[in-house]
């Protein structure tokens, strides 16, 4: 799950946004099935929603660009990167005993 959380912002920033659906799905699945911390689950869901909104807009628009990377608004790129950073922070934060 940690590698997927790192891969999402790297892939989105490197203009491979459509392929980033794979690490987003892995991070969400891993957070929901393997982790008991609700904060990690919430931030993984935030990453998935932040990615799903521009993906859905790109899929339903008839006049969209040829690729998601060219169609995605820079604000959504920033939101996805920030949500991924929040997920990484929650994964690596110190645990309370």
Protein backbone atom coordinates (compact mmCIF):
# COMPACT_ATOMS: atom_id res chain seq x y z
CA UNK A 1 0.00 0.00 0.00
CA UNK A 2 2.86 2.39 0.72
CA UNK A 3 4.38 1.90 -2.71
CA UNK A 4 1.00 2.56 -4.30
CA UNK A 5 0.60 5.73 -2.26
CA UNK A 6 3.98 6.91 -3.54
CA UNK A 7 3.21 5.89 -7.12
CA UNK A 8 -0.01 7.92 -7.44
CA UNK A 9 1.50 11.44 -7.32
CA UNK A 10 4.55 10.36 -9.32
CA UNK A 11 2.39 8.95 -12.11
CA UNK A 12 0.00 11.90 -12.16
CA UNK A 13 2.84 14.43 -12.25
CA UNK A 14 4.67 12.41 -14.91
CA UNK A 15 1.61 12.58 -17.21
CA UNK A 16 0.58 8.94 -16.71
CA UNK A 17 -2.71 9.84 -15.02
CA UNK A 18 -4.82 7.11 -16.59
CA UNK A 19 -2.39 4.41 -15.48
CA UNK A 20 -2.50 5.83 -11.95
CA UNK A 21 -5.89 4.17 -11.52
CA UNK A 22 -4.02 0.94 -10.67
CA UNK A 23 -2.10 2.26 -7.62
CA UNK A 24 -5.18 4.22 -6.51
CA UNK A 25 -7.21 1.01 -6.52
CA UNK A 26 -4.46 -0.94 -4.75
CA UNK A 27 -4.09 1.72 -2.05
CA UNK A 28 -7.84 1.89 -1.47
CA UNK A 29 -8.24 -1.88 -1.39
CA UNK A 30 -5.27 -2.28 0.95
CA UNK A 31 -6.51 0.43 3.29
CA UNK A 32 -10.04 -0.94 3.46
CA UNK A 33 -9.14 -4.60 3.88
CA UNK A 34 -5.81 -4.72 5.72
CA UNK A 35 -5.64 -1.64 7.93
CA UNK A 36 -7.67 -1.01 11.07
CA UNK A 37 -6.78 2.67 11.42
CA UNK A 38 -9.76 4.80 10.37
CA UNK A 39 -7.55 7.77 9.46
CA UNK A 40 -5.67 5.74 6.88
CA UNK A 41 -8.94 4.44 5.47
CA UNK A 42 -10.32 7.98 5.22
CA UNK A 43 -7.26 9.38 3.49
CA UNK A 44 -7.16 6.46 1.06
CA UNK A 45 -10.81 7.16 0.23
CA UNK A 46 -9.92 10.84 -0.23
CA UNK A 47 -7.23 9.89 -2.76
CA UNK A 48 -9.70 7.66 -4.61
CA UNK A 49 -12.39 10.35 -4.74
CA UNK A 50 -9.89 13.03 -5.77
CA UNK A 51 -8.80 10.79 -8.63
CA UNK A 52 -12.29 9.59 -9.57
CA UNK A 53 -13.72 13.08 -10.15
CA UNK A 54 -11.43 14.11 -13.05
CA UNK A 55 -11.52 10.57 -14.43
CA UNK A 56 -15.32 10.64 -14.55
CA UNK A 57 -15.37 14.12 -16.09
CA UNK A 58 -12.92 12.99 -18.75
CA UNK A 59 -14.95 9.85 -19.54
CA UNK A 60 -18.35 11.56 -19.86
CA UNK A 61 -17.26 14.67 -21.77
CA UNK A 62 -17.76 14.21 -25.50
CA UNK A 63 -15.18 16.88 -26.36
CA UNK A 64 -12.47 15.77 -23.94
CA UNK A 65 -8.80 15.48 -24.75
CA UNK A 66 -7.26 12.27 -26.03
CA UNK A 67 -5.68 11.50 -22.68
CA UNK A 68 -6.60 12.11 -19.07
CA UNK A 69 -3.24 13.77 -18.44
CA UNK A 70 -4.01 16.46 -21.01
CA UNK A 71 -7.59 16.94 -19.83
CA UNK A 72 -7.07 17.07 -16.07
CA UNK A 73 -7.16 20.51 -14.47
CA UNK A 74 -3.99 21.51 -12.56
CA UNK A 75 -6.08 22.05 -9.42
CA UNK A 76 -7.07 18.38 -9.48
CA UNK A 77 -3.44 17.40 -9.96
CA UNK A 78 -2.57 19.44 -6.87
CA UNK A 79 -5.49 17.89 -4.96
CA UNK A 80 -4.42 14.36 -5.88
CA UNK A 81 -0.81 15.04 -4.90
CA UNK A 82 -1.89 16.64 -1.59
CA UNK A 83 -4.24 13.74 -0.81
CA UNK A 84 -1.47 11.25 -1.59
CA UNK A 85 0.90 13.18 0.67
CA UNK A 86 -1.70 13.06 3.43
CA UNK A 87 -2.04 9.30 2.93
CA UNK A 88 1.72 8.85 3.14
CA UNK A 89 1.83 10.98 6.28
CA UNK A 90 -0.89 8.92 7.95
CA UNK A 91 0.82 5.67 6.98
CA UNK A 92 4.19 6.76 8.40
CA UNK A 93 3.04 8.72 11.46
CA UNK A 94 4.01 7.38 14.85
CA UNK A 95 1.44 5.08 16.38
CA UNK A 96 0.07 5.55 19.85
CA UNK A 97 0.62 2.59 22.17
